[in-house]
């Protein structure tokens, strides 16, 4: 709905599974719910549809870093 998602609010979104799109990071890649996939240092992975971030119960944040250059918000 266009709501701002804060990186430290991962626990709020922990109810969603890895097939649920939560939103998009500032670098344009999608963020999905909690999964059990092995992720890279940023909290993402390559899937059949391309790169995506996936929440993990092992992290307190949504993502650890950006996998690409983030955009600047006005």
N, C-alpha and C. Protein backbone atom coordinates (compact mmCIF):
# COMPACT_ATOMS: atom_id res chain seq x y z
N UNK A 1 0.81 -1.19 0.00
CA UNK A 1 0.00 0.00 0.00
C UNK A 1 0.86 1.26 0.00
N UNK A 2 2.16 1.12 -0.17
CA UNK A 2 3.05 2.27 -0.19
C UNK A 2 3.59 2.64 1.18
N UNK A 3 3.35 1.81 2.19
CA UNK A 3 3.85 2.09 3.52
C UNK A 3 5.35 1.87 3.59
N UNK A 4 6.02 2.68 4.39
CA UNK A 4 7.45 2.55 4.59
C UNK A 4 7.72 1.34 5.49
N UNK A 5 8.65 0.50 5.08
CA UNK A 5 9.06 -0.65 5.87
C UNK A 5 10.44 -0.34 6.43
N UNK A 6 10.59 -0.43 7.73
CA UNK A 6 11.88 -0.18 8.35
C UNK A 6 12.65 -1.50 8.50
N UNK A 7 13.95 -1.42 8.30
CA UNK A 7 14.79 -2.60 8.31
C UNK A 7 14.74 -3.35 9.64
N UNK A 8 14.57 -2.62 10.74
CA UNK A 8 14.56 -3.27 12.06
C UNK A 8 13.19 -3.81 12.46
N UNK A 9 12.23 -3.80 11.55
CA UNK A 9 10.89 -4.30 11.83
C UNK A 9 10.66 -5.70 11.26
N UNK A 10 11.72 -6.46 11.09
CA UNK A 10 11.61 -7.80 10.50
C UNK A 10 10.66 -8.69 11.28
N UNK A 11 10.64 -8.56 12.60
CA UNK A 11 9.77 -9.42 13.42
C UNK A 11 8.30 -9.21 13.10
N UNK A 12 7.92 -8.01 12.70
CA UNK A 12 6.52 -7.73 12.35
C UNK A 12 6.07 -8.51 11.11
N UNK A 13 7.02 -8.81 10.24
CA UNK A 13 6.70 -9.48 8.99
C UNK A 13 7.04 -10.96 9.02
N UNK A 14 7.45 -11.47 10.17
CA UNK A 14 7.83 -12.86 10.32
C UNK A 14 6.69 -13.84 10.18
N UNK A 15 5.48 -13.34 10.09
CA UNK A 15 4.31 -14.21 9.93
C UNK A 15 4.10 -14.64 8.47
N UNK A 16 4.80 -13.98 7.56
CA UNK A 16 4.63 -14.26 6.14
C UNK A 16 5.65 -15.29 5.65
N UNK A 17 5.22 -16.19 4.79
CA UNK A 17 6.09 -17.23 4.23
C UNK A 17 6.87 -16.67 3.04
N UNK A 18 7.82 -17.45 2.57
CA UNK A 18 8.72 -17.01 1.51
C UNK A 18 8.03 -16.82 0.16
N UNK A 19 6.78 -17.20 0.03
CA UNK A 19 6.06 -16.98 -1.23
C UNK A 19 5.24 -15.68 -1.19
N UNK A 20 5.35 -14.93 -0.08
CA UNK A 20 4.61 -13.67 0.06
C UNK A 20 5.52 -12.48 -0.18
N UNK A 21 5.18 -11.66 -1.16
CA UNK A 21 5.91 -10.43 -1.43
C UNK A 21 5.55 -9.40 -0.38
N UNK A 22 6.54 -8.90 0.34
CA UNK A 22 6.32 -7.90 1.39
C UNK A 22 6.48 -6.50 0.84
N UNK A 23 7.47 -6.31 0.00
CA UNK A 23 7.73 -4.98 -0.57
C UNK A 23 9.00 -5.01 -1.37
N UNK A 24 9.56 -3.81 -1.59
CA UNK A 24 10.78 -3.67 -2.37
C UNK A 24 11.80 -2.86 -1.60
N UNK A 25 13.06 -3.29 -1.68
CA UNK A 25 14.16 -2.54 -1.07
C UNK A 25 14.48 -1.34 -1.96
N UNK A 26 15.24 -0.41 -1.43
CA UNK A 26 15.59 0.79 -2.19
C UNK A 26 16.46 0.51 -3.41
N UNK A 27 17.03 -0.69 -3.51
CA UNK A 27 17.79 -1.02 -4.71
C UNK A 27 16.93 -1.70 -5.77
N UNK A 28 15.62 -1.81 -5.49
CA UNK A 28 14.68 -2.32 -6.48
C UNK A 28 14.36 -3.80 -6.40
N UNK A 29 15.09 -4.54 -5.58
CA UNK A 29 14.84 -5.97 -5.48
C UNK A 29 13.71 -6.24 -4.49
N UNK A 30 12.89 -7.27 -4.77
CA UNK A 30 11.76 -7.59 -3.90
C UNK A 30 12.20 -8.22 -2.58
N UNK A 31 11.38 -8.01 -1.56
CA UNK A 31 11.59 -8.61 -0.24
C UNK A 31 10.43 -9.57 0.00
N UNK A 32 10.77 -10.81 0.30
CA UNK A 32 9.76 -11.84 0.56
C UNK A 32 9.82 -12.27 2.02
N UNK A 33 8.77 -12.97 2.46
CA UNK A 33 8.66 -13.42 3.84
C UNK A 33 9.73 -14.44 4.22
N UNK A 34 9.55 -15.02 5.39
CA UNK A 34 10.53 -15.92 5.99
C UNK A 34 10.64 -17.23 5.21
N UNK A 35 11.88 -17.59 4.91
CA UNK A 35 12.14 -18.84 4.23
C UNK A 35 13.30 -19.56 4.89
N UNK A 36 13.60 -20.72 4.38
CA UNK A 36 14.72 -21.48 4.93
C UNK A 36 15.85 -21.63 3.92
N UNK A 37 15.88 -20.76 2.92
CA UNK A 37 16.93 -20.78 1.91
C UNK A 37 18.23 -20.23 2.47
N UNK A 38 19.33 -20.65 1.89
CA UNK A 38 20.63 -20.10 2.24
C UNK A 38 20.78 -18.78 1.50
N UNK A 39 20.96 -17.69 2.24
CA UNK A 39 21.07 -16.37 1.63
C UNK A 39 22.52 -15.88 1.65
N UNK A 40 22.78 -14.85 0.84
CA UNK A 40 24.12 -14.26 0.81
C UNK A 40 24.28 -13.28 1.98
N UNK A 41 25.38 -12.54 2.00
CA UNK A 41 25.68 -11.62 3.10
C UNK A 41 24.63 -10.53 3.25
N UNK A 42 23.94 -10.18 2.16
CA UNK A 42 22.92 -9.13 2.20
C UNK A 42 21.55 -9.66 2.61
N UNK A 43 21.39 -10.97 2.64
CA UNK A 43 20.09 -11.55 2.97
C UNK A 43 19.27 -11.90 1.75
N UNK A 44 19.94 -12.03 0.61
CA UNK A 44 19.25 -12.33 -0.63
C UNK A 44 19.75 -13.60 -1.28
N UNK A 45 19.10 -13.95 -2.38
CA UNK A 45 19.47 -15.15 -3.12
C UNK A 45 18.95 -15.04 -4.54
N UNK A 46 19.53 -15.82 -5.41
CA UNK A 46 19.04 -15.94 -6.79
C UNK A 46 17.94 -16.98 -6.82
N UNK A 47 16.78 -16.60 -7.34
CA UNK A 47 15.69 -17.55 -7.49
C UNK A 47 15.39 -17.69 -8.98
N UNK A 48 14.42 -18.51 -9.31
CA UNK A 48 14.07 -18.71 -10.72
C UNK A 48 13.61 -17.41 -11.38
N UNK A 49 13.12 -16.45 -10.59
CA UNK A 49 12.64 -15.18 -11.14
C UNK A 49 13.65 -14.05 -11.01
N UNK A 50 14.84 -14.34 -10.49
CA UNK A 50 15.88 -13.33 -10.32
C UNK A 50 16.24 -13.14 -8.86
N UNK A 51 17.03 -12.12 -8.60
CA UNK A 51 17.50 -11.87 -7.22
C UNK A 51 16.35 -11.38 -6.36
N UNK A 52 16.36 -11.80 -5.11
CA UNK A 52 15.34 -11.38 -4.15
C UNK A 52 15.91 -11.47 -2.74
N UNK A 53 15.39 -10.64 -1.86
CA UNK A 53 15.70 -10.75 -0.44
C UNK A 53 14.66 -11.64 0.20
N UNK A 54 15.08 -12.37 1.22
CA UNK A 54 14.17 -13.25 1.92
C UNK A 54 14.43 -13.12 3.42
N UNK A 55 13.36 -12.91 4.19
CA UNK A 55 13.52 -12.79 5.63
C UNK A 55 13.98 -14.11 6.21
N UNK A 56 14.66 -14.02 7.36
CA UNK A 56 15.17 -15.21 8.03
C UNK A 56 14.98 -15.06 9.53
N UNK A 57 14.70 -16.14 10.19
CA UNK A 57 14.59 -16.11 11.65
C UNK A 57 15.97 -15.95 12.29
N UNK A 58 17.03 -16.08 11.51
CA UNK A 58 18.39 -15.93 12.01
C UNK A 58 18.86 -14.48 12.03
N UNK A 59 18.08 -13.56 11.47
CA UNK A 59 18.44 -12.13 11.42
C UNK A 59 17.38 -11.29 12.12
N UNK A 60 17.82 -10.19 12.73
CA UNK A 60 16.90 -9.24 13.35
C UNK A 60 16.48 -8.13 12.38
N UNK A 61 17.08 -8.11 11.20
CA UNK A 61 16.79 -7.10 10.20
C UNK A 61 16.22 -7.74 8.94
N UNK A 62 15.58 -6.92 8.12
CA UNK A 62 15.05 -7.43 6.85
C UNK A 62 16.19 -7.84 5.93
N UNK A 63 17.13 -6.91 5.74
CA UNK A 63 18.29 -7.16 4.89
C UNK A 63 19.53 -6.66 5.63
N UNK A 64 20.69 -7.18 5.27
CA UNK A 64 21.94 -6.77 5.91
C UNK A 64 22.65 -5.67 5.14
N UNK A 65 22.43 -5.61 3.84
CA UNK A 65 23.06 -4.61 2.98
C UNK A 65 22.30 -4.61 1.66
N UNK A 66 22.59 -3.68 0.79
CA UNK A 66 21.97 -3.64 -0.52
C UNK A 66 22.81 -4.45 -1.50
N UNK A 67 22.17 -5.22 -2.34
CA UNK A 67 22.88 -6.02 -3.35
C UNK A 67 23.21 -5.17 -4.57
N UNK A 68 22.58 -4.03 -4.71
CA UNK A 68 22.79 -3.12 -5.83
C UNK A 68 22.78 -1.70 -5.28
N UNK A 69 23.08 -0.74 -6.10
CA UNK A 69 23.09 0.66 -5.65
C UNK A 69 21.65 1.12 -5.33
N UNK A 70 21.42 1.61 -4.10
CA UNK A 70 20.07 2.09 -3.76
C UNK A 70 19.78 3.43 -4.43
N UNK A 71 18.50 3.71 -4.61
CA UNK A 71 18.09 5.00 -5.17
C UNK A 71 17.99 6.01 -4.04
N UNK A 72 18.12 7.27 -4.37
CA UNK A 72 17.94 8.33 -3.38
C UNK A 72 16.50 8.78 -3.39
N UNK A 73 15.91 8.86 -2.23
CA UNK A 73 14.54 9.35 -2.13
C UNK A 73 14.55 10.87 -2.04
N UNK A 74 13.57 11.52 -2.68
CA UNK A 74 13.53 12.99 -2.64
C UNK A 74 13.21 13.52 -1.25
